[in-house]
Structures are given as structure tokens and as C-alpha cells.
């Protein structure tokens, strides 16, 4: 388990230290423009009383998100992951112990929360594979996270099928022009199929979204449009039923 963790639940933020949850007071303790920034800076006040440490956190997580927005060339869609990693490590090395562990946690969570653009989605895999593992190496084993180097699965690897590669290929071909809620309906059809062809834990939704985005190699809608939309009355819903039928036709091809 994590010794220190930031959690976000709707509009509330929590700091968890050794399994004890503290609700963060963003308005009184946080600084920065957006709630995500305020959450990180509010949390450091429960960890450190050092004005220097608090000041570095405030500077780092202030708008325009110095270390959580990426140094990149928008024209060429290039993410300079090595420069990004080095910039974060340079500041992390100023801290020790719990302060450093919280700094890394703050960076990782803030990156996940803030960067939801199409550009970020295409670069998330590089951050997860090339930057985050290097950041965790800076954290003492006393505060280390569980499975920091756990590999990110590809979309076919999420499918519960002996023909996962072929199934993924057919799904991509069939739904190549769809985005948002239709993609969610496609996933639901796989989850509800008998036998079940997809299982998504609540904390794995982002990983599935990224794997899907990378596999489709195109815009499939924002994370929120796919996973933050509540599904009401899917059974009997003509849009869901038509999507389900498309999935069933694909499955028929696999069995023929």
C-alpha cells in the first residue's frame, strides 16, 4: 500500500497517510488556480511545517503548472519525456522522506487529473513507461508504492478471449468512426457478454481508456465522455442495443 496518497472523489480531495484519511480544505489551505493545484498544496501543510518546503510546493503547482504540463512542440506533437523527468527529479531531490514521497505522488496524480487533452492522451503511455518508474526510484523503500513498474497493458491484453488480438482488430475496424458514449456502449457489451469478454476495475478505467486510445490511434472522445457518463437503462435503450448487436456480429465472425 502507499504510505501517502492523494485521492479525488467528485469535488472533494483527501490525503491518506498510513491509511488515515484527511479531507483537504482547499479554500483555506490550498494555493494555485485550479482545485487540483490547491489539493496538492493543501496536503503539504499536513506533512510539513517548513516554510521553504511549502513554498517550493506552491511554486511548483502554481499556474501554469510548471512540472505537470509538458515541454512539447504542439506543431510536431513531440513530448520531451527526458527533459520532463529531469525537471521533476531536480526538485524532488531537494526533499527527503515523506516530503519527497508526497511530491512524487502530487506530480503523478496532478498529471493524471489535469492533462486531459488529445495531445496528453497520446503521450500518457510515454509518461507511464519512461517517466513515472524513474520518479519512483527516488522514493525510499519506506514510502515506496506497490508495483511502481507494473506494465501498461495494450487493449488486446485487457480482453478475456483466446482470440484477443483478432477481436481487438475487428472492434477497431467496426468502431473506427465512433466516439464517446458509443465506445462506452461497446465496452459495456463486452463486459455483459456471456462469457464475459472484458472486466474493468474502478481504478483501472484510466488504463483501459489509454490502451484503447493508443490502439485506435485516433480521437475516441475524452475520458469523461466514456467513463464519467452514467448509464441509465441500457437494456431497452435503442442506442445501446444497436451497439450491442454490432459487437455480437463481430463475435459471430470469430466463431465461424
Protein backbone atom coordinates (compact mmCIF):
# COMPACT_ATOMS: atom_id res chain seq x y z
CA UNK A 1 0.00 0.00 0.00
CA UNK A 2 1.02 3.62 -0.32
CA UNK A 3 2.30 5.43 2.74
CA UNK A 4 0.97 8.69 1.33
CA UNK A 5 -1.72 9.10 -1.31
CA UNK A 6 -3.90 11.80 -2.82
CA UNK A 7 -7.48 10.85 -3.61
CA UNK A 8 -10.16 12.68 -5.56
CA UNK A 9 -13.85 11.91 -5.14
CA UNK A 10 -16.11 14.20 -7.17
CA UNK A 11 -15.40 17.69 -5.82
CA UNK A 12 -13.63 16.57 -2.64
CA UNK A 13 -9.96 15.75 -2.14
CA UNK A 14 -8.36 13.59 0.52
CA UNK A 15 -4.85 12.99 1.79
CA UNK A 16 -4.19 9.46 3.05
CA UNK A 17 -1.24 8.96 5.39
CA UNK A 18 -0.74 5.41 6.63
CA UNK A 19 -4.41 4.56 5.98
CA UNK A 20 -5.72 7.65 7.82
CA UNK A 21 -7.91 9.85 5.60
CA UNK A 22 -7.85 13.65 5.90
CA UNK A 23 -10.31 15.76 3.93
CA UNK A 24 -8.41 18.70 2.46
CA UNK A 25 -9.62 22.28 2.93
CA UNK A 26 -8.80 23.76 -0.46
CA UNK A 27 -10.11 27.26 0.20
CA UNK A 28 -8.23 27.86 3.44
CA UNK A 29 -5.10 25.74 2.97
CA UNK A 30 -4.63 25.46 -0.79
CA UNK A 31 -2.99 27.82 -3.27
CA UNK A 32 -3.00 27.83 -7.05
CA UNK A 33 -5.59 28.39 -9.71
CA UNK A 34 -7.43 25.08 -10.10
CA UNK A 35 -8.79 22.71 -7.41
CA UNK A 36 -6.18 20.08 -8.33
CA UNK A 37 -3.36 22.53 -7.60
CA UNK A 38 -4.99 23.59 -4.35
CA UNK A 39 -5.35 19.97 -3.28
CA UNK A 40 -1.62 19.29 -3.56
CA UNK A 41 -0.63 22.48 -1.75
CA UNK A 42 -3.26 21.95 0.94
CA UNK A 43 -1.91 18.45 1.55
CA UNK A 44 1.68 19.55 2.13
CA UNK A 45 0.54 21.56 5.16
CA UNK A 46 -0.38 18.29 6.88
CA UNK A 47 3.02 16.81 6.10
CA UNK A 48 5.48 19.66 6.62
CA UNK A 49 5.71 22.82 8.72
CA UNK A 50 8.83 24.02 6.88
CA UNK A 51 8.00 27.30 5.07
CA UNK A 52 10.69 26.54 2.48
CA UNK A 53 9.15 23.19 1.61
CA UNK A 54 5.64 24.65 1.46
CA UNK A 55 6.94 27.47 -0.74
CA UNK A 56 8.53 25.07 -3.24
CA UNK A 57 5.28 23.11 -3.47
CA UNK A 58 3.33 26.32 -4.06
CA UNK A 59 5.71 27.43 -6.81
CA UNK A 60 5.72 24.02 -8.47
CA UNK A 61 1.95 23.52 -8.55
CA UNK A 62 1.01 27.11 -9.29
CA UNK A 63 -0.47 28.03 -12.65
CA UNK A 64 0.62 27.32 -15.38
CA UNK A 65 1.53 24.00 -13.73
CA UNK A 66 5.27 24.21 -14.03
CA UNK A 67 6.06 20.50 -13.88
CA UNK A 68 2.75 18.90 -14.74
CA UNK A 69 2.26 20.49 -18.14
CA UNK A 70 4.70 19.11 -20.67
CA UNK A 71 7.54 20.75 -22.53
CA UNK A 72 6.49 19.89 -26.05
CA UNK A 73 6.18 21.13 -29.60
CA UNK A 74 2.49 21.32 -30.39
CA UNK A 75 3.17 21.52 -34.11
CA UNK A 76 5.06 18.24 -34.22
CA UNK A 77 3.35 16.60 -31.23
CA UNK A 78 6.70 15.81 -29.59
CA UNK A 79 6.81 15.07 -25.86
CA UNK A 80 10.29 15.60 -24.42
CA UNK A 81 9.95 12.97 -21.70
CA UNK A 82 13.64 13.05 -20.73
CA UNK A 83 13.55 16.78 -20.04
CA UNK A 84 10.27 16.39 -18.18
CA UNK A 85 11.70 13.63 -15.99
CA UNK A 86 14.88 15.56 -15.23
CA UNK A 87 12.97 18.72 -14.28
CA UNK A 88 10.83 16.79 -11.81
CA UNK A 89 13.77 14.85 -10.35
CA UNK A 90 15.79 18.04 -9.81
CA UNK A 91 13.13 19.38 -7.46
CA UNK A 92 12.27 16.03 -5.86
CA UNK A 93 15.89 15.65 -4.80
CA UNK A 94 15.53 18.76 -2.65
CA UNK A 95 13.27 16.79 -0.31
CA UNK A 96 13.70 13.72 1.86
CA UNK A 97 11.46 11.05 3.33
CA UNK A 98 7.73 11.64 3.39
CA UNK A 99 8.04 15.06 1.77
CA UNK A 100 9.73 13.56 -1.28
CA UNK A 101 7.24 10.68 -1.47
CA UNK A 102 4.37 13.18 -1.34
CA UNK A 103 5.99 15.36 -4.00
CA UNK A 104 6.18 12.40 -6.40
CA UNK A 105 2.59 11.42 -5.53
CA UNK A 106 1.48 15.00 -6.16
CA UNK A 107 3.16 15.12 -9.57
CA UNK A 108 1.79 11.76 -10.71
CA UNK A 109 -1.78 12.47 -9.56
CA UNK A 110 -1.76 16.02 -10.85
CA UNK A 111 -0.61 14.89 -14.26
CA UNK A 112 -3.45 12.36 -14.33
CA UNK A 113 -6.04 14.90 -13.21
CA UNK A 114 -5.05 17.96 -15.23
CA UNK A 115 -3.89 16.77 -18.64
CA UNK A 116 -6.96 15.51 -20.47
CA UNK A 117 -6.24 16.90 -23.94
CA UNK A 118 -5.91 14.75 -27.04
CA UNK A 119 -2.20 15.60 -27.03
CA UNK A 120 -1.82 14.34 -23.47
CA UNK A 121 -3.72 11.13 -24.18
CA UNK A 122 -1.27 10.22 -26.95
CA UNK A 123 1.72 10.87 -24.64
CA UNK A 124 0.39 9.23 -21.50
CA UNK A 125 1.96 5.89 -22.32
CA UNK A 126 5.41 7.51 -22.59
CA UNK A 127 4.94 9.22 -19.23
CA UNK A 128 3.80 6.00 -17.56
CA UNK A 129 6.56 3.84 -19.03
CA UNK A 130 9.50 6.26 -19.17
CA UNK A 131 8.96 8.92 -16.52
CA UNK A 132 6.91 7.53 -13.63
CA UNK A 133 9.18 4.49 -12.94
CA UNK A 134 12.19 6.84 -12.74
CA UNK A 135 10.35 9.07 -10.27
CA UNK A 136 9.53 6.12 -8.02
CA UNK A 137 13.23 5.21 -7.88
CA UNK A 138 13.76 8.41 -5.90
CA UNK A 139 11.35 7.30 -3.17
CA UNK A 140 12.75 5.45 -0.16
CA UNK A 141 11.57 1.86 0.26
CA UNK A 142 9.86 3.00 3.47
CA UNK A 143 7.43 5.02 1.38
CA UNK A 144 7.52 3.10 -1.89
CA UNK A 145 4.38 2.47 -3.88
CA UNK A 146 3.09 -1.01 -4.65
CA UNK A 147 4.08 -2.29 -8.11
CA UNK A 148 5.50 1.02 -9.44
CA UNK A 149 6.82 -0.67 -12.56
CA UNK A 150 3.64 -2.58 -13.40
CA UNK A 151 3.49 -2.54 -17.21
CA UNK A 152 0.61 -0.85 -19.00
CA UNK A 153 -1.48 -3.33 -20.90
CA UNK A 154 -2.38 -2.97 -24.55
CA UNK A 155 -6.08 -3.09 -25.42
CA UNK A 156 -5.98 -6.74 -26.62
CA UNK A 157 -4.38 -7.70 -23.29
CA UNK A 158 -7.47 -6.41 -21.47
CA UNK A 159 -9.76 -8.73 -23.43
CA UNK A 160 -10.77 -12.06 -21.88
CA UNK A 161 -10.59 -14.08 -25.06
CA UNK A 162 -8.29 -16.66 -26.58
CA UNK A 163 -8.61 -14.67 -29.80
CA UNK A 164 -7.98 -11.29 -28.18
CA UNK A 165 -5.79 -9.91 -30.96
CA UNK A 166 -8.32 -10.74 -33.67
CA UNK A 167 -11.23 -9.49 -31.57
CA UNK A 168 -9.47 -6.19 -30.91
CA UNK A 169 -8.72 -5.82 -34.61
CA UNK A 170 -12.37 -6.38 -35.58
CA UNK A 171 -13.62 -3.98 -32.91
CA UNK A 172 -11.27 -1.28 -34.10
CA UNK A 173 -12.41 -1.75 -37.70
CA UNK A 174 -16.12 -1.72 -36.79
CA UNK A 175 -16.00 1.25 -34.40
CA UNK A 176 -13.29 3.30 -36.11
CA UNK A 177 -15.67 6.24 -36.67
CA UNK A 178 -17.35 6.22 -33.25
CA UNK A 179 -16.53 8.28 -30.18
CA UNK A 180 -17.76 8.94 -26.66
CA UNK A 181 -20.84 7.13 -25.42
CA UNK A 182 -20.84 4.63 -28.31
CA UNK A 183 -17.38 3.48 -27.25
CA UNK A 184 -18.74 3.10 -23.71
CA UNK A 185 -21.64 1.02 -25.05
CA UNK A 186 -19.15 -1.16 -26.91
CA UNK A 187 -17.21 -1.77 -23.70
CA UNK A 188 -20.41 -2.49 -21.78
CA UNK A 189 -21.45 -5.04 -24.40
CA UNK A 190 -18.12 -6.82 -23.92
CA UNK A 191 -18.49 -6.71 -20.13
CA UNK A 192 -22.06 -8.06 -20.17
CA UNK A 193 -21.47 -10.71 -22.78
CA UNK A 194 -21.67 -14.36 -21.76
CA UNK A 195 -18.93 -15.38 -21.43
CA UNK A 196 -17.58 -12.06 -20.20
CA UNK A 197 -15.01 -10.59 -22.58
CA UNK A 198 -13.85 -7.58 -20.58
CA UNK A 199 -13.51 -6.76 -16.88
CA UNK A 200 -12.64 -3.28 -15.66
CA UNK A 201 -11.87 -2.47 -12.04
CA UNK A 202 -12.77 1.07 -10.96
CA UNK A 203 -9.11 2.02 -10.58
CA UNK A 204 -8.22 0.50 -13.95
CA UNK A 205 -10.59 2.59 -16.05
CA UNK A 206 -7.90 5.11 -16.97
CA UNK A 207 -5.55 2.33 -18.06
CA UNK A 208 -8.25 0.80 -20.28
CA UNK A 209 -9.03 4.22 -21.77
CA UNK A 210 -5.39 4.88 -22.60
CA UNK A 211 -4.88 1.43 -24.09
CA UNK A 212 -7.99 1.92 -26.21
CA UNK A 213 -6.86 5.38 -27.31
CA UNK A 214 -3.44 4.11 -28.29
CA UNK A 215 -4.85 1.08 -30.10
CA UNK A 216 -7.45 3.08 -32.05
CA UNK A 217 -4.76 5.67 -32.94
CA UNK A 218 -7.40 8.38 -33.20
CA UNK A 219 -9.70 10.53 -31.12
CA UNK A 220 -12.27 8.33 -29.35
CA UNK A 221 -13.68 11.03 -27.08
CA UNK A 222 -12.47 12.28 -23.73
CA UNK A 223 -12.10 10.03 -20.72
CA UNK A 224 -15.06 11.80 -19.12
CA UNK A 225 -17.32 11.24 -22.14
CA UNK A 226 -16.67 7.49 -21.95
CA UNK A 227 -16.32 6.67 -18.26
CA UNK A 228 -17.81 9.59 -16.35
CA UNK A 229 -21.18 9.26 -18.09
CA UNK A 230 -23.73 7.33 -16.04
CA UNK A 231 -25.53 4.63 -17.98
CA UNK A 232 -29.25 4.68 -17.36
CA UNK A 233 -31.48 1.85 -18.61
CA UNK A 234 -29.01 0.34 -21.04
CA UNK A 235 -31.26 -2.64 -21.53
CA UNK A 236 -34.00 -1.46 -23.87
CA UNK A 237 -32.00 1.61 -24.84
CA UNK A 238 -32.00 1.55 -28.68
CA UNK A 239 -28.53 3.11 -28.92
CA UNK A 240 -27.05 0.53 -26.57
CA UNK A 241 -28.93 -2.31 -28.23
CA UNK A 242 -27.69 -1.33 -31.69
CA UNK A 243 -24.12 -1.14 -30.40
CA UNK A 244 -24.52 -4.50 -28.69
CA UNK A 245 -25.77 -6.00 -31.98
CA UNK A 246 -22.66 -4.75 -33.75
CA UNK A 247 -20.50 -6.43 -31.12
CA UNK A 248 -22.45 -9.69 -31.41
CA UNK A 249 -21.93 -9.73 -35.18
CA UNK A 250 -18.19 -9.40 -34.60
CA UNK A 251 -18.28 -12.33 -32.19
CA UNK A 252 -20.10 -14.40 -34.79
CA UNK A 253 -17.20 -13.81 -37.19
CA UNK A 254 -14.78 -15.16 -34.59
CA UNK A 255 -16.74 -18.38 -34.16
CA UNK A 256 -17.25 -19.03 -37.88
